[in-house]
Every structure is written in C-alpha cells, then in structure tokens.
N, C-alpha and C. Protein backbone atom coordinates (compact mmCIF):
# COMPACT_ATOMS: atom_id res chain seq x y z
N MET A 1 -69.34 -16.94 -34.11
CA MET A 1 -70.29 -17.24 -33.70
C MET A 1 -71.80 -16.41 -34.40
N ARG A 2 -71.45 -14.99 -34.15
CA ARG A 2 -72.36 -13.95 -34.10
C ARG A 2 -72.43 -13.64 -35.86
N SER A 3 -71.10 -13.70 -36.17
CA SER A 3 -70.69 -13.44 -37.87
C SER A 3 -71.76 -14.33 -38.27
N GLY A 4 -71.77 -15.20 -38.29
CA GLY A 4 -71.87 -16.49 -38.47
C GLY A 4 -73.40 -16.51 -38.59
N SER A 5 -74.26 -15.89 -37.56
CA SER A 5 -74.93 -16.05 -37.53
C SER A 5 -75.86 -15.27 -38.40
N VAL A 6 -75.47 -13.94 -38.79
CA VAL A 6 -75.92 -12.87 -39.55
C VAL A 6 -75.49 -13.31 -41.46
N LEU A 7 -74.69 -14.10 -41.18
CA LEU A 7 -74.54 -14.80 -42.51
C LEU A 7 -75.44 -16.40 -43.31
N ALA A 8 -76.20 -16.52 -41.78
CA ALA A 8 -77.00 -17.58 -41.98
C ALA A 8 -78.44 -16.68 -42.85
N VAL A 9 -78.91 -15.80 -41.91
CA VAL A 9 -79.83 -15.08 -42.05
C VAL A 9 -79.98 -14.59 -43.50
N ALA A 10 -78.18 -14.08 -43.88
CA ALA A 10 -78.17 -14.13 -45.36
C ALA A 10 -78.40 -14.73 -46.30
N MET A 11 -78.08 -15.85 -45.44
CA MET A 11 -77.76 -16.66 -46.90
C MET A 11 -79.29 -17.69 -46.91
N ILE A 12 -80.25 -17.27 -46.02
CA ILE A 12 -81.53 -17.87 -46.34
C ILE A 12 -82.65 -16.69 -46.74
N ILE A 13 -82.36 -15.72 -46.76
CA ILE A 13 -82.72 -14.34 -47.87
C ILE A 13 -82.56 -14.36 -49.30
N VAL A 14 -81.09 -15.10 -49.49
CA VAL A 14 -80.49 -15.30 -50.85
C VAL A 14 -81.35 -16.20 -51.61
N VAL A 15 -81.50 -17.75 -50.70
CA VAL A 15 -82.16 -18.81 -51.22
C VAL A 15 -83.60 -18.74 -51.24
N ALA A 16 -84.61 -18.11 -50.07
CA ALA A 16 -85.36 -18.08 -50.29
C ALA A 16 -85.67 -16.59 -51.93
N LEU A 17 -84.90 -15.84 -52.32
CA LEU A 17 -85.11 -15.08 -53.45
C LEU A 17 -85.61 -15.58 -54.24
N PHE A 18 -84.47 -16.93 -54.38
CA PHE A 18 -84.31 -17.42 -55.72
C PHE A 18 -85.15 -18.33 -55.89
N ALA A 19 -85.74 -19.32 -54.58
CA ALA A 19 -86.88 -19.77 -54.58
C ALA A 19 -88.20 -19.39 -54.86
N GLY A 20 -88.26 -18.14 -54.83
CA GLY A 20 -89.36 -17.27 -55.50
C GLY A 20 -89.47 -16.89 -56.82
N CYS A 21 -88.15 -16.90 -57.56
CA CYS A 21 -87.77 -16.52 -58.75
C CYS A 21 -88.32 -17.29 -59.83
N LEU A 22 -87.79 -18.80 -58.77
CA LEU A 22 -88.31 -20.00 -59.89
C LEU A 22 -89.33 -20.75 -59.75
N GLY A 23 -90.44 -20.06 -58.87
CA GLY A 23 -91.49 -19.86 -59.34
C GLY A 23 -92.77 -20.94 -58.70
N ASP A 24 -91.87 -21.19 -57.19
CA ASP A 24 -93.07 -22.07 -56.30
C ASP A 24 -93.95 -21.28 -55.59
N THR A 25 -95.41 -21.23 -56.19
CA THR A 25 -95.93 -20.10 -55.78
C THR A 25 -96.76 -20.54 -54.55
N SER A 26 -97.07 -21.69 -54.55
CA SER A 26 -97.08 -22.56 -52.77
C SER A 26 -96.83 -21.65 -51.94
N GLN A 27 -95.51 -21.09 -51.91
CA GLN A 27 -94.55 -20.58 -51.00
C GLN A 27 -95.05 -19.52 -50.58
N PRO A 28 -94.98 -18.59 -49.93
CA PRO A 28 -95.51 -17.25 -49.62
C PRO A 28 -93.74 -16.41 -50.59
N SER A 29 -94.44 -15.48 -50.69
CA SER A 29 -93.34 -14.23 -51.52
C SER A 29 -92.64 -13.75 -50.13
N ILE A 30 -91.51 -13.54 -50.64
CA ILE A 30 -90.00 -13.30 -50.02
C ILE A 30 -90.18 -12.15 -48.89
N THR A 31 -90.65 -11.40 -49.81
CA THR A 31 -91.51 -9.71 -49.17
C THR A 31 -92.50 -9.70 -48.00
N ARG A 32 -93.26 -10.88 -48.23
CA ARG A 32 -94.09 -10.97 -47.13
C ARG A 32 -93.85 -11.40 -45.83
N ILE A 33 -92.38 -12.50 -45.36
CA ILE A 33 -92.32 -13.45 -44.54
C ILE A 33 -92.04 -12.10 -43.55
N PRO A 34 -92.40 -12.48 -42.21
CA PRO A 34 -92.45 -11.63 -41.27
C PRO A 34 -90.36 -12.15 -40.43
N LYS A 35 -89.77 -10.71 -39.79
CA LYS A 35 -88.83 -11.02 -39.39
C LYS A 35 -89.17 -10.88 -37.90
N VAL A 36 -88.50 -10.44 -36.64
CA VAL A 36 -88.46 -10.46 -35.58
C VAL A 36 -87.26 -9.63 -35.19
N ILE A 37 -87.04 -8.32 -34.53
CA ILE A 37 -85.72 -7.99 -34.32
C ILE A 37 -86.00 -7.35 -32.72
N MET A 38 -85.15 -8.11 -32.36
CA MET A 38 -84.93 -7.84 -30.63
C MET A 38 -83.47 -6.79 -30.58
N ASP A 39 -84.04 -5.66 -29.78
CA ASP A 39 -82.85 -4.77 -29.22
C ASP A 39 -82.80 -4.20 -28.18
N HIS A 40 -81.57 -3.79 -27.70
CA HIS A 40 -81.48 -3.37 -25.99
C HIS A 40 -81.37 -2.03 -25.85
N VAL A 41 -82.81 -1.35 -25.50
CA VAL A 41 -82.71 -0.09 -25.59
C VAL A 41 -83.26 0.22 -24.33
N ASP A 42 -82.74 1.73 -23.68
CA ASP A 42 -83.13 2.45 -22.46
C ASP A 42 -83.78 1.28 -21.68
N ASN A 43 -82.67 0.49 -21.27
CA ASN A 43 -83.40 -0.68 -19.98
C ASN A 43 -84.28 -1.40 -20.25
N GLN A 44 -84.40 -1.84 -21.67
CA GLN A 44 -85.52 -2.36 -21.83
C GLN A 44 -84.97 -3.53 -23.09
N THR A 45 -86.02 -4.72 -23.54
CA THR A 45 -85.53 -5.03 -24.96
C THR A 45 -86.97 -4.55 -25.59
N VAL A 46 -86.66 -4.40 -26.50
CA VAL A 46 -87.78 -3.99 -27.55
C VAL A 46 -87.94 -5.28 -28.91
N ILE A 47 -89.32 -5.63 -29.22
CA ILE A 47 -89.35 -7.10 -29.94
C ILE A 47 -90.32 -5.67 -31.12
N THR A 48 -89.08 -5.65 -32.15
CA THR A 48 -90.40 -5.38 -33.56
C THR A 48 -90.58 -6.72 -34.90
N VAL A 49 -91.93 -6.84 -34.71
CA VAL A 49 -92.38 -7.52 -35.81
C VAL A 49 -92.50 -6.95 -37.45
N MET A 50 -92.01 -7.44 -38.49
CA MET A 50 -92.11 -6.42 -39.51
C MET A 50 -91.56 -7.30 -41.10
N ALA A 51 -92.06 -7.46 -41.68
CA ALA A 51 -92.45 -8.07 -43.13
C ALA A 51 -90.94 -7.33 -43.49
N LEU A 52 -90.11 -8.44 -44.54
CA LEU A 52 -88.90 -8.24 -45.03
C LEU A 52 -89.31 -6.94 -46.23
N GLY A 53 -90.06 -6.63 -46.43
CA GLY A 53 -90.92 -5.47 -47.45
C GLY A 53 -92.02 -5.07 -47.07
N GLU A 54 -92.46 -4.22 -47.53
CA GLU A 54 -93.75 -3.70 -47.65
C GLU A 54 -95.03 -4.40 -47.74
N HIS A 55 -95.46 -5.00 -46.45
CA HIS A 55 -96.76 -5.30 -45.85
C HIS A 55 -97.59 -5.57 -45.09
N ARG A 56 -99.14 -6.00 -44.98
CA ARG A 56 -100.02 -5.51 -43.80
C ARG A 56 -100.41 -6.99 -43.53
N TYR A 57 -99.89 -7.52 -42.21
CA TYR A 57 -100.89 -8.47 -41.86
C TYR A 57 -102.03 -8.56 -41.28
N ASP A 58 -102.85 -9.67 -41.19
CA ASP A 58 -104.22 -9.71 -40.76
C ASP A 58 -104.47 -9.70 -39.48
N ARG A 59 -103.12 -10.23 -38.66
CA ARG A 59 -102.68 -10.47 -37.25
C ARG A 59 -101.21 -10.46 -36.96
N ILE A 60 -101.22 -10.22 -36.10
CA ILE A 60 -99.56 -10.06 -35.13
C ILE A 60 -99.75 -10.50 -33.85
N TYR A 61 -99.42 -11.12 -33.19
CA TYR A 61 -99.36 -11.59 -32.14
C TYR A 61 -97.58 -11.56 -31.44
N VAL A 62 -97.86 -11.48 -30.04
CA VAL A 62 -96.92 -11.08 -29.46
C VAL A 62 -96.71 -11.45 -27.54
N ASN A 63 -96.71 -12.41 -27.67
CA ASN A 63 -96.60 -12.92 -26.03
C ASN A 63 -95.26 -13.21 -25.41
N HIS A 64 -95.63 -12.68 -24.47
CA HIS A 64 -94.07 -13.55 -23.34
C HIS A 64 -94.54 -13.15 -22.09
N THR A 65 -93.56 -14.39 -21.46
CA THR A 65 -94.04 -14.72 -20.12
C THR A 65 -92.45 -14.28 -19.60
N THR A 66 -92.75 -13.79 -18.14
CA THR A 66 -91.45 -13.64 -17.20
C THR A 66 -92.08 -13.24 -15.88
N HIS A 67 -91.23 -13.71 -15.11
CA HIS A 67 -90.99 -13.85 -13.50
C HIS A 67 -92.66 -12.77 -13.48
N GLU A 68 -92.79 -11.59 -13.61
CA GLU A 68 -93.64 -11.29 -13.66
C GLU A 68 -95.24 -11.65 -13.73
N GLY A 69 -95.14 -12.63 -15.04
CA GLY A 69 -96.82 -13.00 -15.69
C GLY A 69 -96.67 -13.29 -17.25
N SER A 70 -97.69 -13.30 -17.68
CA SER A 70 -97.74 -13.37 -19.03
C SER A 70 -98.52 -12.39 -19.79
N PHE A 71 -97.89 -12.30 -20.98
CA PHE A 71 -98.29 -11.08 -21.52
C PHE A 71 -98.31 -11.18 -22.99
N ASN A 72 -99.89 -10.37 -23.28
CA ASN A 72 -100.02 -10.91 -24.35
C ASN A 72 -100.65 -9.72 -25.53
N ASN A 73 -99.80 -9.49 -26.56
CA ASN A 73 -100.19 -7.91 -27.10
C ASN A 73 -100.81 -8.95 -28.74
N SER A 74 -101.59 -7.82 -29.23
CA SER A 74 -102.28 -8.06 -30.74
C SER A 74 -102.18 -6.91 -31.23
N SER A 75 -102.29 -7.38 -32.81
CA SER A 75 -102.32 -5.56 -33.21
C SER A 75 -103.04 -6.38 -34.49
N VAL A 76 -104.31 -5.70 -35.60
CA VAL A 76 -105.17 -6.02 -36.61
C VAL A 76 -105.11 -5.21 -37.44
N HIS A 77 -104.19 -5.81 -39.37
CA HIS A 77 -104.04 -4.79 -40.39
C HIS A 77 -102.88 -3.96 -39.69
N ARG A 78 -102.02 -4.73 -39.96
CA ARG A 78 -100.77 -3.69 -39.38
C ARG A 78 -99.52 -3.88 -40.02
N TYR A 79 -98.31 -2.80 -40.57
CA TYR A 79 -97.84 -3.52 -41.13
C TYR A 79 -96.58 -4.15 -40.22
N ALA A 80 -96.44 -3.48 -38.80
CA ALA A 80 -95.47 -3.81 -37.99
C ALA A 80 -95.81 -3.54 -36.03
N MET A 81 -95.46 -4.42 -35.54
CA MET A 81 -95.50 -4.01 -34.17
C MET A 81 -94.46 -4.09 -33.05
N VAL A 82 -94.37 -3.49 -32.58
CA VAL A 82 -93.57 -3.36 -31.27
C VAL A 82 -93.51 -3.51 -29.99
N VAL A 83 -92.87 -3.68 -29.06
CA VAL A 83 -93.63 -4.91 -28.19
C VAL A 83 -92.63 -4.43 -26.87
N PRO A 84 -92.18 -3.50 -25.76
CA PRO A 84 -91.16 -3.42 -25.14
C PRO A 84 -91.59 -4.65 -23.97
N ILE A 85 -90.12 -4.99 -23.49
CA ILE A 85 -90.31 -6.07 -22.28
C ILE A 85 -88.82 -5.47 -21.37
N LYS A 86 -89.19 -5.60 -20.37
CA LYS A 86 -88.33 -4.83 -18.70
C LYS A 86 -87.54 -6.16 -18.30
N ASP A 87 -88.22 -7.17 -18.47
CA ASP A 87 -87.02 -8.52 -17.94
C ASP A 87 -86.14 -8.48 -18.84
N ALA A 88 -84.88 -9.74 -17.88
CA ALA A 88 -83.76 -9.78 -18.12
C ALA A 88 -83.58 -11.23 -18.86
N SER A 89 -84.74 -12.01 -18.60
CA SER A 89 -84.95 -13.26 -19.79
C SER A 89 -86.53 -13.57 -19.39
N PHE A 90 -86.98 -14.00 -20.77
CA PHE A 90 -88.78 -14.25 -21.07
C PHE A 90 -88.59 -15.34 -21.70
N THR A 91 -89.60 -16.21 -22.27
CA THR A 91 -90.35 -16.76 -23.11
C THR A 91 -91.17 -15.80 -23.93
N LEU A 92 -90.77 -16.15 -25.34
CA LEU A 92 -91.53 -15.21 -26.14
C LEU A 92 -91.96 -16.37 -27.68
N ASN A 93 -93.74 -16.13 -27.81
CA ASN A 93 -94.38 -16.40 -29.15
C ASN A 93 -94.63 -15.22 -29.76
N VAL A 94 -93.97 -15.31 -30.99
CA VAL A 94 -94.83 -14.66 -32.27
C VAL A 94 -95.27 -15.45 -32.92
N THR A 95 -96.62 -14.94 -33.22
CA THR A 95 -97.42 -15.37 -34.51
C THR A 95 -97.80 -14.51 -35.52
N VAL A 96 -98.16 -14.52 -36.69
CA VAL A 96 -98.12 -14.04 -38.22
C VAL A 96 -98.93 -14.49 -38.40
N LEU A 97 -100.41 -13.90 -38.77
CA LEU A 97 -101.54 -14.95 -39.61
C LEU A 97 -101.45 -13.56 -41.16
N ASP A 98 -101.40 -14.41 -42.13
CA ASP A 98 -101.19 -13.59 -43.00
C ASP A 98 -102.32 -14.36 -44.21
N LYS A 99 -103.58 -14.09 -44.41
CA LYS A 99 -104.25 -14.69 -45.09
C LYS A 99 -104.27 -16.34 -44.65
N ARG A 100 -103.80 -17.43 -45.47
CA ARG A 100 -103.68 -18.90 -45.07
C ARG A 100 -102.87 -18.99 -44.29
N ASP A 101 -101.24 -18.19 -44.60
CA ASP A 101 -100.35 -18.43 -43.98
C ASP A 101 -99.89 -18.05 -42.66
N VAL A 102 -99.33 -18.79 -41.65
CA VAL A 102 -99.05 -18.81 -40.63
C VAL A 102 -97.58 -18.83 -40.69
N TYR A 103 -97.01 -18.23 -39.79
CA TYR A 103 -95.20 -17.75 -39.45
C TYR A 103 -95.92 -18.02 -37.45
N MET A 104 -94.14 -18.33 -37.02
CA MET A 104 -94.22 -18.74 -35.85
C MET A 104 -93.01 -18.66 -35.63
N LEU A 105 -92.50 -18.06 -34.21
CA LEU A 105 -91.27 -18.12 -33.41
C LEU A 105 -91.69 -18.44 -31.66
N ASN A 106 -90.89 -19.30 -31.40
CA ASN A 106 -91.38 -20.02 -30.12
C ASN A 106 -89.61 -20.14 -29.58
N CYS A 107 -89.60 -19.15 -28.26
CA CYS A 107 -87.66 -19.47 -28.09
C CYS A 107 -87.85 -18.85 -26.34
N THR A 108 -86.75 -19.04 -26.04
CA THR A 108 -86.81 -18.45 -24.52
C THR A 108 -85.45 -17.66 -24.98
N VAL A 109 -85.49 -16.42 -23.86
CA VAL A 109 -84.36 -15.11 -24.25
C VAL A 109 -83.12 -14.86 -23.00
N ARG A 110 -82.20 -14.42 -22.97
CA ARG A 110 -81.94 -14.16 -21.77
C ARG A 110 -80.76 -13.04 -22.12
N LEU A 111 -80.63 -12.19 -21.61
CA LEU A 111 -80.49 -10.76 -21.74
C LEU A 111 -78.58 -10.70 -20.81
N ASP A 112 -78.00 -11.29 -21.12
CA ASP A 112 -76.63 -11.01 -20.88
C ASP A 112 -76.13 -9.42 -21.13
N LEU A 113 -76.01 -8.73 -20.20
CA LEU A 113 -75.36 -7.07 -19.53
C LEU A 113 -73.77 -7.12 -19.28
N ALA A 114 -73.28 -8.12 -19.27
CA ALA A 114 -72.33 -8.07 -18.99
C ALA A 114 -71.32 -6.71 -19.44
N ASN A 115 -71.58 -6.07 -20.94
CA ASN A 115 -70.62 -4.75 -21.09
C ASN A 115 -72.13 -4.41 -21.74
N PRO A 116 -72.44 -3.35 -20.57
CA PRO A 116 -73.83 -2.56 -21.24
C PRO A 116 -74.27 -2.21 -22.68
N GLU A 117 -72.62 -1.77 -22.66
CA GLU A 117 -72.36 -0.77 -23.87
C GLU A 117 -72.20 -2.26 -25.41
N ARG A 118 -72.70 -3.35 -24.87
CA ARG A 118 -72.44 -4.73 -26.49
C ARG A 118 -73.80 -5.84 -25.38
N PRO A 119 -74.96 -5.78 -25.97
CA PRO A 119 -75.86 -6.41 -24.87
C PRO A 119 -75.77 -7.62 -25.86
N VAL A 120 -75.19 -8.73 -25.21
CA VAL A 120 -76.07 -9.98 -25.98
C VAL A 120 -77.15 -10.49 -25.63
N PHE A 121 -77.82 -11.18 -26.25
CA PHE A 121 -79.29 -11.94 -26.46
C PHE A 121 -78.79 -13.41 -26.64
N TRP A 122 -78.96 -14.59 -25.90
CA TRP A 122 -78.75 -15.95 -25.71
C TRP A 122 -79.80 -16.15 -25.95
N VAL A 123 -80.53 -16.72 -27.23
CA VAL A 123 -81.50 -17.63 -27.68
C VAL A 123 -81.90 -18.96 -27.54
N ARG A 124 -82.68 -19.24 -27.30
CA ARG A 124 -82.73 -20.91 -27.41
C ARG A 124 -84.41 -21.40 -28.02
N GLU A 125 -84.57 -21.81 -29.54
CA GLU A 125 -85.60 -21.79 -30.08
C GLU A 125 -86.18 -23.29 -29.93
N GLU A 126 -87.06 -22.98 -30.63
CA GLU A 126 -88.45 -23.90 -30.34
C GLU A 126 -87.35 -25.50 -30.97
N ARG A 127 -87.45 -26.51 -30.73
CA ARG A 127 -85.93 -27.99 -31.35
C ARG A 127 -85.02 -27.93 -31.23
N GLN A 128 -84.94 -26.78 -30.32
CA GLN A 128 -82.58 -27.01 -30.30
C GLN A 128 -82.79 -26.83 -28.76
N THR A 129 -81.60 -28.10 -28.89
CA THR A 129 -81.21 -28.17 -27.21
C THR A 129 -80.38 -26.89 -26.69
N LYS A 130 -79.63 -26.06 -27.68
CA LYS A 130 -78.64 -25.51 -27.25
C LYS A 130 -78.91 -23.78 -27.28
N GLU A 131 -78.24 -23.24 -26.13
CA GLU A 131 -78.78 -21.27 -26.55
C GLU A 131 -77.78 -21.21 -27.63
N SER A 132 -78.18 -19.72 -28.57
CA SER A 132 -76.91 -19.61 -29.19
C SER A 132 -76.49 -17.78 -28.78
N ASP A 133 -75.68 -17.22 -28.80
CA ASP A 133 -75.69 -15.84 -28.72
C ASP A 133 -75.58 -14.82 -30.04
N HIS A 134 -75.78 -13.83 -29.46
CA HIS A 134 -76.44 -12.74 -30.52
C HIS A 134 -76.30 -11.54 -30.10
N ASP A 135 -75.20 -10.74 -31.19
CA ASP A 135 -75.51 -9.18 -30.33
C ASP A 135 -76.57 -8.87 -31.15
N SER A 136 -77.11 -7.74 -30.10
CA SER A 136 -77.80 -6.44 -29.94
C SER A 136 -77.73 -5.38 -31.02
N PRO A 137 -78.13 -5.58 -31.81
CA PRO A 137 -79.67 -6.28 -32.65
C PRO A 137 -79.45 -7.31 -32.97
N TYR A 138 -80.66 -8.29 -32.96
CA TYR A 138 -80.74 -9.80 -32.93
C TYR A 138 -81.99 -9.33 -34.17
N THR A 139 -81.45 -10.06 -35.11
CA THR A 139 -82.81 -10.26 -36.31
C THR A 139 -82.89 -11.77 -36.51
N VAL A 140 -84.12 -12.04 -36.81
CA VAL A 140 -84.17 -13.88 -37.25
C VAL A 140 -86.00 -13.77 -37.72
N VAL A 141 -86.07 -14.73 -38.55
CA VAL A 141 -87.00 -14.91 -39.70
C VAL A 141 -87.77 -15.57 -39.05
N LEU A 142 -89.42 -15.08 -39.03
CA LEU A 142 -90.09 -16.45 -38.78
C LEU A 142 -90.38 -17.71 -39.80
N GLU A 143 -90.18 -19.00 -38.73
CA GLU A 143 -90.66 -19.94 -39.53
C GLU A 143 -92.15 -20.12 -40.40
N TRP A 144 -91.78 -20.15 -41.59
CA TRP A 144 -93.40 -20.22 -42.01
C TRP A 144 -94.20 -21.94 -41.95
N ARG A 145 -95.11 -22.12 -41.34
CA ARG A 145 -95.63 -23.14 -40.63
C ARG A 145 -97.42 -23.53 -42.12
N GLU A 146 -97.38 -24.98 -42.28
CA GLU A 146 -98.66 -24.83 -43.42
C GLU A 146 -99.76 -25.25 -42.58
N THR A 147 -100.93 -24.44 -42.73
CA THR A 147 -101.84 -24.54 -42.08
C THR A 147 -102.69 -25.83 -42.38
N VAL A 148 -102.99 -26.68 -41.47
CA VAL A 148 -104.01 -27.63 -41.59
C VAL A 148 -105.73 -27.01 -42.89
N GLY A 149 -105.84 -28.15 -43.54
CA GLY A 149 -107.08 -28.06 -44.10
C GLY A 149 -106.95 -26.59 -45.07
N GLY A 150 -105.94 -25.93 -45.43
CA GLY A 150 -105.68 -24.86 -45.85
C GLY A 150 -105.65 -24.99 -47.12
C-alpha cells in the first residue's frame, strides 16, 4: 500500500508534466503546484507546504483542529510554510492561493507510533471513505480547484 502511494504520486507528477508540455494553458504549471509533506520528528508532526518547483505563493493557510482547539496559520508572499502539530490526531485544511488559482487539501490524520522508528500516518482525505496508511515522511500534491467567476 505504501509503495503504491509513492508510485501514484510519481505517476501524477509525470502525467502533469506531460499535460503541461502539451499546452493546456488554462491549467497551472507543474512547478507551481503545491505539495504538503507530513513528517514526524521530535515528538511532533511537522507540516511543510511548498511548491514542486521554486515559486512564491500569494497566500498559504494551514489550519488544524486537535482536541485542544482550532489553530489558524497563514503567510503572505512566501515560498513555503512550516507548521508543527503536537497531537497524534487532527483535522487539517491547507489552502494555497496563487493569483487566480486555489489549491486545497482537507483531511483527517491519525499518527500511529506503535513502532517509533517507523511512524505511520493514517490519512482520510475529503471525499474518501477509508483511511490510507503512509510512512513518515508522507508527501501529497494539493488538488487544484477552479475558482468561480475566475
């Protein structure tokens, strides 16, 4: 399952690269597409949001909810954003604004530390009915959303 996830992300990137080369200019360039890296280090989950290439975003929002409450983080005109989370389970919303493009990730995350040397993230993304397991670090490419009236 884990190697299948890595292969799936690689295939998405390859397909997106070829789609960009074939000229659909209404879609964003592959280098501008944001990715989220979830890693577990020093007893916390570290969420990193950055572009597949070098690109500065207009705004990055990383919001999460834990049993302690809701936390909202944002940055303006940045290449990346890093947010530490101390809880082992949380809901996560990442929204990246880039000119007229909007990218989003909505999911619930549960950290399994049964083997502390190999932490596993159980992630259920929006519109999915089942969790999927991923070794740490786990990388996911954000979904491009067409803006209304854009």
